């Protein structure tokens, strides 16, 4: 799989006929594929994620396999449990159909801090509460 930068350079420098070839090589990843990829590279099991997020086992597995669409806060809780970077969190949000975190929204700014400092979901909720924002649900 080519990196985003490599693909961008190929697309910028392509002629019309080469563009079609390039487009056909791009495989779009689903939420569940990306989630599984992150679990593999971070060596985290689905059970670990369930324990850290307090999601019900059945609901969590439905989110993980893509049969249920989770809310934005649940995706953020999953990203926190994965110890995901901000970029990884934003990709999980995008792939699940949610808006990215936006630093000019105060609650999102607190969540960005929590992600960057690899806080747990519980610690992130405590921080949100300290700033009188709604906790992750």
N, C-alpha and C. Protein backbone atom coordinates (compact mmCIF):
# COMPACT_ATOMS: atom_id res chain seq x y z
N UNK A 1 0.85 -1.17 0.00
CA UNK A 1 0.00 0.00 0.00
C UNK A 1 0.90 1.24 0.00
N UNK A 2 0.57 2.19 -0.87
CA UNK A 2 1.34 3.42 -0.98
C UNK A 2 0.93 4.40 0.13
N UNK A 3 1.89 5.23 0.51
CA UNK A 3 1.58 6.24 1.52
C UNK A 3 0.72 7.34 0.88
N UNK A 4 0.07 8.13 1.70
CA UNK A 4 -0.76 9.22 1.22
C UNK A 4 0.08 10.21 0.42
N UNK A 5 1.27 10.51 0.89
CA UNK A 5 2.16 11.44 0.20
C UNK A 5 2.54 10.90 -1.17
N UNK A 6 2.89 9.61 -1.25
CA UNK A 6 3.23 8.99 -2.53
C UNK A 6 2.05 9.07 -3.50
N UNK A 7 0.86 8.73 -3.01
CA UNK A 7 -0.33 8.78 -3.86
C UNK A 7 -0.60 10.20 -4.35
N UNK A 8 -0.47 11.16 -3.47
CA UNK A 8 -0.70 12.55 -3.84
C UNK A 8 0.26 12.98 -4.94
N UNK A 9 1.53 12.62 -4.80
CA UNK A 9 2.52 12.97 -5.83
C UNK A 9 2.22 12.30 -7.16
N UNK A 10 1.81 11.04 -7.11
CA UNK A 10 1.47 10.32 -8.34
C UNK A 10 0.28 11.00 -9.03
N UNK A 11 -0.74 11.35 -8.25
CA UNK A 11 -1.93 11.98 -8.82
C UNK A 11 -1.59 13.35 -9.41
N UNK A 12 -0.80 14.13 -8.70
CA UNK A 12 -0.42 15.46 -9.18
C UNK A 12 0.34 15.38 -10.50
N UNK A 13 1.17 14.36 -10.64
CA UNK A 13 2.04 14.25 -11.81
C UNK A 13 1.50 13.32 -12.90
N UNK A 14 0.29 12.83 -12.73
CA UNK A 14 -0.27 11.86 -13.68
C UNK A 14 -0.83 12.54 -14.91
N UNK A 15 -0.78 11.80 -16.01
CA UNK A 15 -1.50 12.17 -17.23
C UNK A 15 -2.88 11.53 -17.11
N UNK A 16 -3.79 11.90 -17.95
CA UNK A 16 -5.17 11.40 -17.87
C UNK A 16 -5.25 9.87 -17.81
N UNK A 17 -4.52 9.18 -18.67
CA UNK A 17 -4.61 7.73 -18.72
C UNK A 17 -4.00 7.08 -17.46
N UNK A 18 -2.98 7.71 -16.89
CA UNK A 18 -2.36 7.16 -15.68
C UNK A 18 -3.23 7.39 -14.45
N UNK A 19 -4.06 8.42 -14.50
CA UNK A 19 -4.92 8.72 -13.36
C UNK A 19 -5.90 7.57 -13.12
N UNK A 20 -6.49 7.05 -14.20
CA UNK A 20 -7.44 5.95 -14.06
C UNK A 20 -6.78 4.74 -13.40
N UNK A 21 -5.57 4.43 -13.82
CA UNK A 21 -4.82 3.31 -13.23
C UNK A 21 -4.58 3.54 -11.74
N UNK A 22 -4.18 4.75 -11.42
CA UNK A 22 -3.89 5.09 -10.02
C UNK A 22 -5.15 5.00 -9.17
N UNK A 23 -6.24 5.54 -9.65
CA UNK A 23 -7.51 5.52 -8.91
C UNK A 23 -7.94 4.08 -8.63
N UNK A 24 -7.75 3.19 -9.59
CA UNK A 24 -8.15 1.80 -9.43
C UNK A 24 -7.32 1.06 -8.38
N UNK A 25 -6.10 1.57 -8.08
CA UNK A 25 -5.26 0.91 -7.08
C UNK A 25 -5.57 1.33 -5.65
N UNK A 26 -6.36 2.40 -5.50
CA UNK A 26 -6.67 2.91 -4.17
C UNK A 26 -7.78 2.07 -3.55
N UNK A 27 -7.49 1.50 -2.39
CA UNK A 27 -8.48 0.71 -1.66
C UNK A 27 -8.91 1.53 -0.45
N UNK A 28 -10.18 1.84 -0.40
CA UNK A 28 -10.69 2.59 0.74
C UNK A 28 -10.94 1.63 1.90
N UNK A 29 -10.47 2.03 3.06
CA UNK A 29 -10.57 1.18 4.24
C UNK A 29 -11.86 1.51 5.00
N UNK A 30 -12.51 0.49 5.52
CA UNK A 30 -13.70 0.69 6.35
C UNK A 30 -13.28 0.95 7.79
N UNK A 31 -14.25 1.39 8.60
CA UNK A 31 -13.98 1.59 10.03
C UNK A 31 -13.44 0.31 10.65
N UNK A 32 -14.12 -0.81 10.41
CA UNK A 32 -13.72 -2.06 11.07
C UNK A 32 -12.34 -2.52 10.61
N UNK A 33 -12.01 -2.33 9.32
CA UNK A 33 -10.67 -2.69 8.85
C UNK A 33 -9.61 -1.82 9.52
N UNK A 34 -9.88 -0.51 9.63
CA UNK A 34 -8.91 0.38 10.26
C UNK A 34 -8.79 0.10 11.75
N UNK A 35 -9.92 -0.17 12.40
CA UNK A 35 -9.89 -0.52 13.82
C UNK A 35 -9.04 -1.78 14.04
N UNK A 36 -9.27 -2.81 13.23
CA UNK A 36 -8.49 -4.05 13.34
C UNK A 36 -7.00 -3.79 13.11
N UNK A 37 -6.70 -2.94 12.14
CA UNK A 37 -5.31 -2.57 11.85
C UNK A 37 -4.67 -1.90 13.08
N UNK A 38 -5.38 -0.96 13.69
CA UNK A 38 -4.84 -0.28 14.88
C UNK A 38 -4.64 -1.26 16.04
N UNK A 39 -5.60 -2.15 16.23
CA UNK A 39 -5.46 -3.16 17.29
C UNK A 39 -4.21 -4.01 17.07
N UNK A 40 -3.98 -4.38 15.82
CA UNK A 40 -2.80 -5.20 15.50
C UNK A 40 -1.50 -4.45 15.78
N UNK A 41 -1.38 -3.23 15.26
CA UNK A 41 -0.10 -2.52 15.42
C UNK A 41 0.14 -2.06 16.85
N UNK A 42 -0.94 -1.85 17.60
CA UNK A 42 -0.80 -1.42 18.99
C UNK A 42 -0.84 -2.59 19.97
N UNK A 43 -1.04 -3.79 19.41
CA UNK A 43 -1.08 -5.02 20.21
C UNK A 43 -2.10 -4.91 21.35
N UNK A 44 -3.31 -4.51 20.97
CA UNK A 44 -4.41 -4.37 21.91
C UNK A 44 -5.54 -5.30 21.44
N UNK A 45 -6.12 -6.04 22.36
CA UNK A 45 -7.21 -6.94 21.99
C UNK A 45 -8.55 -6.20 22.07
N UNK A 46 -9.53 -6.76 21.40
CA UNK A 46 -10.87 -6.21 21.48
C UNK A 46 -11.38 -6.26 22.92
N UNK A 47 -11.04 -7.31 23.64
CA UNK A 47 -11.45 -7.43 25.05
C UNK A 47 -10.87 -6.30 25.89
N UNK A 48 -9.61 -5.92 25.61
CA UNK A 48 -8.99 -4.79 26.32
C UNK A 48 -9.78 -3.51 26.08
N UNK A 49 -10.18 -3.30 24.82
CA UNK A 49 -10.94 -2.10 24.47
C UNK A 49 -12.28 -2.10 25.22
N UNK A 50 -12.95 -3.24 25.23
CA UNK A 50 -14.24 -3.35 25.92
C UNK A 50 -14.09 -3.03 27.41
N UNK A 51 -13.05 -3.58 28.03
CA UNK A 51 -12.82 -3.32 29.46
C UNK A 51 -12.58 -1.84 29.73
N UNK A 52 -11.81 -1.20 28.87
CA UNK A 52 -11.45 0.20 29.10
C UNK A 52 -12.57 1.18 28.77
N UNK A 53 -13.51 0.76 27.93
CA UNK A 53 -14.58 1.68 27.53
C UNK A 53 -15.89 1.42 28.25
N UNK A 54 -15.99 0.28 28.94
CA UNK A 54 -17.24 -0.12 29.61
C UNK A 54 -18.41 -0.25 28.64
N UNK A 55 -18.12 -0.55 27.38
CA UNK A 55 -19.18 -0.84 26.42
C UNK A 55 -19.68 -2.25 26.68
N UNK A 56 -20.96 -2.49 26.42
CA UNK A 56 -21.43 -3.86 26.56
C UNK A 56 -20.75 -4.69 25.48
N UNK A 57 -20.46 -5.93 25.79
CA UNK A 57 -19.71 -6.81 24.89
C UNK A 57 -20.39 -6.93 23.52
N UNK A 58 -21.69 -7.15 23.52
CA UNK A 58 -22.43 -7.33 22.26
C UNK A 58 -22.38 -6.05 21.42
N UNK A 59 -22.68 -4.92 22.05
CA UNK A 59 -22.67 -3.63 21.34
C UNK A 59 -21.27 -3.33 20.80
N UNK A 60 -20.25 -3.57 21.61
CA UNK A 60 -18.87 -3.30 21.18
C UNK A 60 -18.52 -4.12 19.94
N UNK A 61 -18.83 -5.40 19.96
CA UNK A 61 -18.50 -6.24 18.80
C UNK A 61 -19.29 -5.81 17.57
N UNK A 62 -20.49 -5.31 17.75
CA UNK A 62 -21.24 -4.79 16.61
C UNK A 62 -20.59 -3.54 16.04
N UNK A 63 -20.05 -2.70 16.90
CA UNK A 63 -19.31 -1.52 16.44
C UNK A 63 -18.04 -1.98 15.71
N UNK A 64 -17.31 -2.89 16.34
CA UNK A 64 -16.04 -3.35 15.77
C UNK A 64 -16.20 -3.97 14.39
N UNK A 65 -17.30 -4.72 14.19
CA UNK A 65 -17.47 -5.37 12.89
C UNK A 65 -18.25 -4.52 11.89
N UNK A 66 -18.66 -3.33 12.32
CA UNK A 66 -19.32 -2.40 11.41
C UNK A 66 -20.82 -2.58 11.25
N UNK A 67 -21.43 -3.49 12.01
CA UNK A 67 -22.87 -3.70 11.87
C UNK A 67 -23.68 -2.66 12.65
N UNK A 68 -23.06 -1.97 13.60
CA UNK A 68 -23.70 -0.86 14.32
C UNK A 68 -22.83 0.38 14.16
N UNK A 69 -23.49 1.52 14.02
CA UNK A 69 -22.77 2.78 13.95
C UNK A 69 -22.76 3.42 15.34
N UNK A 70 -21.59 3.62 15.86
CA UNK A 70 -21.46 4.21 17.19
C UNK A 70 -21.49 5.73 17.11
N UNK A 71 -21.88 6.34 18.20
CA UNK A 71 -21.86 7.79 18.29
C UNK A 71 -20.42 8.30 18.37
N UNK A 72 -20.28 9.58 18.16
CA UNK A 72 -18.95 10.22 18.14
C UNK A 72 -18.20 9.99 19.45
N UNK A 73 -18.89 10.14 20.59
CA UNK A 73 -18.24 9.96 21.88
C UNK A 73 -17.74 8.53 22.07
N UNK A 74 -18.50 7.55 21.59
CA UNK A 74 -18.06 6.15 21.71
C UNK A 74 -16.79 5.92 20.89
N UNK A 75 -16.73 6.51 19.71
CA UNK A 75 -15.54 6.36 18.86
C UNK A 75 -14.34 7.00 19.57
N UNK A 76 -14.55 8.13 20.20
CA UNK A 76 -13.46 8.79 20.94
C UNK A 76 -13.02 7.92 22.11
N UNK A 77 -13.97 7.30 22.82
CA UNK A 77 -13.61 6.39 23.91
C UNK A 77 -12.78 5.22 23.38
N UNK A 78 -13.16 4.69 22.25
CA UNK A 78 -12.41 3.58 21.65
C UNK A 78 -11.00 4.05 21.29
N UNK A 79 -10.89 5.23 20.72
CA UNK A 79 -9.57 5.78 20.36
C UNK A 79 -8.71 5.98 21.60
N UNK A 80 -9.31 6.46 22.68
CA UNK A 80 -8.56 6.63 23.92
C UNK A 80 -8.07 5.28 24.45
N UNK A 81 -8.92 4.27 24.37
CA UNK A 81 -8.53 2.93 24.83
C UNK A 81 -7.40 2.36 23.96
N UNK A 82 -7.41 2.73 22.69
CA UNK A 82 -6.35 2.28 21.77
C UNK A 82 -5.05 3.06 21.97
N UNK A 83 -5.11 4.13 22.76
CA UNK A 83 -3.97 5.05 22.89
C UNK A 83 -3.60 5.60 21.51
N UNK A 84 -4.67 5.90 20.75
CA UNK A 84 -4.48 6.41 19.39
C UNK A 84 -3.97 7.83 19.38
N UNK A 85 -3.24 8.15 18.33
CA UNK A 85 -2.79 9.53 18.13
C UNK A 85 -3.99 10.37 17.68
N UNK A 86 -3.82 11.66 17.62
CA UNK A 86 -4.88 12.54 17.15
C UNK A 86 -5.23 12.19 15.70
N UNK A 87 -4.23 11.93 14.90
CA UNK A 87 -4.46 11.58 13.49
C UNK A 87 -5.26 10.27 13.39
N UNK A 88 -4.91 9.28 14.19
CA UNK A 88 -5.63 8.00 14.18
C UNK A 88 -7.07 8.18 14.66
N UNK A 89 -7.24 9.00 15.69
CA UNK A 89 -8.58 9.28 16.22
C UNK A 89 -9.44 9.95 15.17
N UNK A 90 -8.88 10.93 14.49
CA UNK A 90 -9.62 11.65 13.47
C UNK A 90 -10.00 10.73 12.31
N UNK A 91 -9.13 9.79 11.99
CA UNK A 91 -9.44 8.84 10.92
C UNK A 91 -10.56 7.89 11.36
N UNK A 92 -10.52 7.43 12.61
CA UNK A 92 -11.61 6.61 13.13
C UNK A 92 -12.93 7.37 13.07
N UNK A 93 -12.89 8.64 13.46
CA UNK A 93 -14.10 9.47 13.42
C UNK A 93 -14.61 9.61 11.99
N UNK A 94 -13.71 9.91 11.08
CA UNK A 94 -14.09 10.09 9.68
C UNK A 94 -14.69 8.80 9.10
N UNK A 95 -14.03 7.67 9.35
CA UNK A 95 -14.49 6.40 8.81
C UNK A 95 -15.82 5.96 9.42
N UNK A 96 -16.15 6.48 10.59
CA UNK A 96 -17.43 6.14 11.23
C UNK A 96 -18.50 7.19 10.92
N UNK A 97 -18.16 8.15 10.05
CA UNK A 97 -19.15 9.14 9.62
C UNK A 97 -19.33 10.32 10.55
N UNK A 98 -18.34 10.59 11.38
CA UNK A 98 -18.44 11.70 12.34
C UNK A 98 -17.44 12.80 11.99
N UNK A 99 -17.73 13.98 12.51
CA UNK A 99 -16.85 15.12 12.27
C UNK A 99 -15.57 14.97 13.09
N UNK A 100 -14.48 15.52 12.57
CA UNK A 100 -13.22 15.46 13.32
C UNK A 100 -13.28 16.38 14.53
N UNK A 101 -12.32 16.22 15.40
CA UNK A 101 -12.21 17.13 16.55
C UNK A 101 -11.73 18.48 16.03
N UNK A 102 -12.28 19.53 16.58
CA UNK A 102 -11.97 20.88 16.12
C UNK A 102 -11.47 21.70 17.30
N UNK A 103 -10.25 22.18 17.20
CA UNK A 103 -9.61 22.84 18.34
C UNK A 103 -10.29 24.14 18.77
N UNK A 104 -11.12 24.72 17.94
CA UNK A 104 -11.81 25.95 18.33
C UNK A 104 -13.11 25.68 19.08
N UNK A 105 -13.46 24.41 19.21
CA UNK A 105 -14.60 24.03 20.05
C UNK A 105 -14.02 23.60 21.38
N UNK A 106 -14.40 24.27 22.45
CA UNK A 106 -13.74 24.07 23.74
C UNK A 106 -13.77 22.63 24.22
N UNK A 107 -14.89 21.96 24.12
CA UNK A 107 -14.96 20.55 24.55
C UNK A 107 -14.00 19.70 23.71
N UNK A 108 -13.98 19.94 22.40
CA UNK A 108 -13.05 19.21 21.53
C UNK A 108 -11.60 19.50 21.90
N UNK A 109 -11.32 20.73 22.29
CA UNK A 109 -9.95 21.09 22.69
C UNK A 109 -9.51 20.26 23.90
N UNK A 110 -10.42 20.06 24.85
CA UNK A 110 -10.12 19.23 26.02
C UNK A 110 -9.88 17.78 25.59
N UNK A 111 -10.70 17.30 24.65
CA UNK A 111 -10.53 15.93 24.16
C UNK A 111 -9.21 15.76 23.38
N UNK A 112 -8.84 16.77 22.63
CA UNK A 112 -7.55 16.74 21.92
C UNK A 112 -6.42 16.64 22.94
N UNK A 113 -6.51 17.41 24.01
CA UNK A 113 -5.50 17.34 25.07
C UNK A 113 -5.44 15.92 25.64
N UNK A 114 -6.61 15.34 25.91
CA UNK A 114 -6.67 13.99 26.49
C UNK A 114 -6.04 12.97 25.54
N UNK A 115 -6.30 13.10 24.27
CA UNK A 115 -5.73 12.18 23.28
C UNK A 115 -4.22 12.36 23.19
N UNK A 116 -3.79 13.58 23.08
CA UNK A 116 -2.35 13.86 22.95
C UNK A 116 -1.56 13.41 24.18
N UNK A 117 -2.21 13.44 25.35
CA UNK A 117 -1.55 13.02 26.59
C UNK A 117 -1.89 11.58 26.97
N UNK A 118 -2.54 10.87 26.05
CA UNK A 118 -2.90 9.45 26.20
C UNK A 118 -3.59 9.15 27.53
N UNK A 119 -4.58 10.00 27.85
CA UNK A 119 -5.37 9.77 29.05
C UNK A 119 -6.34 8.63 28.80
N UNK A 120 -6.77 7.99 29.86
CA UNK A 120 -7.82 6.98 29.75
C UNK A 120 -9.16 7.70 29.56
N UNK A 121 -10.18 6.95 29.20
CA UNK A 121 -11.51 7.53 29.04
C UNK A 121 -12.00 8.10 30.38
N UNK A 122 -11.68 7.41 31.48
CA UNK A 122 -12.09 7.90 32.81
C UNK A 122 -11.40 9.22 33.12
N UNK A 123 -10.10 9.29 32.86
CA UNK A 123 -9.35 10.53 33.11
C UNK A 123 -9.85 11.65 32.19
N UNK A 124 -10.17 11.31 30.96
CA UNK A 124 -10.70 12.31 30.02
C UNK A 124 -12.04 12.84 30.53
N UNK A 125 -12.88 11.95 31.06
CA UNK A 125 -14.17 12.38 31.61
C UNK A 125 -13.98 13.28 32.83
N UNK A 126 -13.01 12.96 33.67
CA UNK A 126 -12.72 13.80 34.83
C UNK A 126 -12.29 15.20 34.38
N UNK A 127 -11.46 15.23 33.34
CA UNK A 127 -10.99 16.51 32.80
C UNK A 127 -12.16 17.30 32.19
N UNK A 128 -13.01 16.62 31.45
CA UNK A 128 -14.20 17.28 30.89
C UNK A 128 -15.07 17.84 32.02
N UNK A 129 -15.24 17.06 33.07
CA UNK A 129 -16.04 17.50 34.21
C UNK A 129 -15.41 18.72 34.89
N UNK A 130 -14.08 18.71 35.02
CA UNK A 130 -13.37 19.86 35.62
C UNK A 130 -13.68 21.15 34.87
N UNK A 131 -13.83 21.04 33.56
CA UNK A 131 -14.12 22.21 32.73
C UNK A 131 -15.62 22.40 32.51
N UNK A 132 -16.42 21.60 33.21
CA UNK A 132 -17.88 21.66 33.17
C UNK A 132 -18.45 21.39 31.77
N UNK A 133 -17.84 20.40 31.09
CA UNK A 133 -18.34 19.93 29.81
C UNK A 133 -18.99 18.58 30.01
N UNK A 134 -19.86 18.23 29.09
CA UNK A 134 -20.52 16.93 29.12
C UNK A 134 -19.47 15.82 28.97
N UNK A 135 -19.59 14.80 29.81
CA UNK A 135 -18.66 13.66 29.76
C UNK A 135 -18.93 12.81 28.52
N UNK A 136 -17.94 12.01 28.16
CA UNK A 136 -18.10 11.08 27.06
C UNK A 136 -19.17 10.06 27.44
N UNK A 137 -20.11 9.85 26.58
CA UNK A 137 -21.18 8.90 26.87
C UNK A 137 -21.08 7.69 25.99
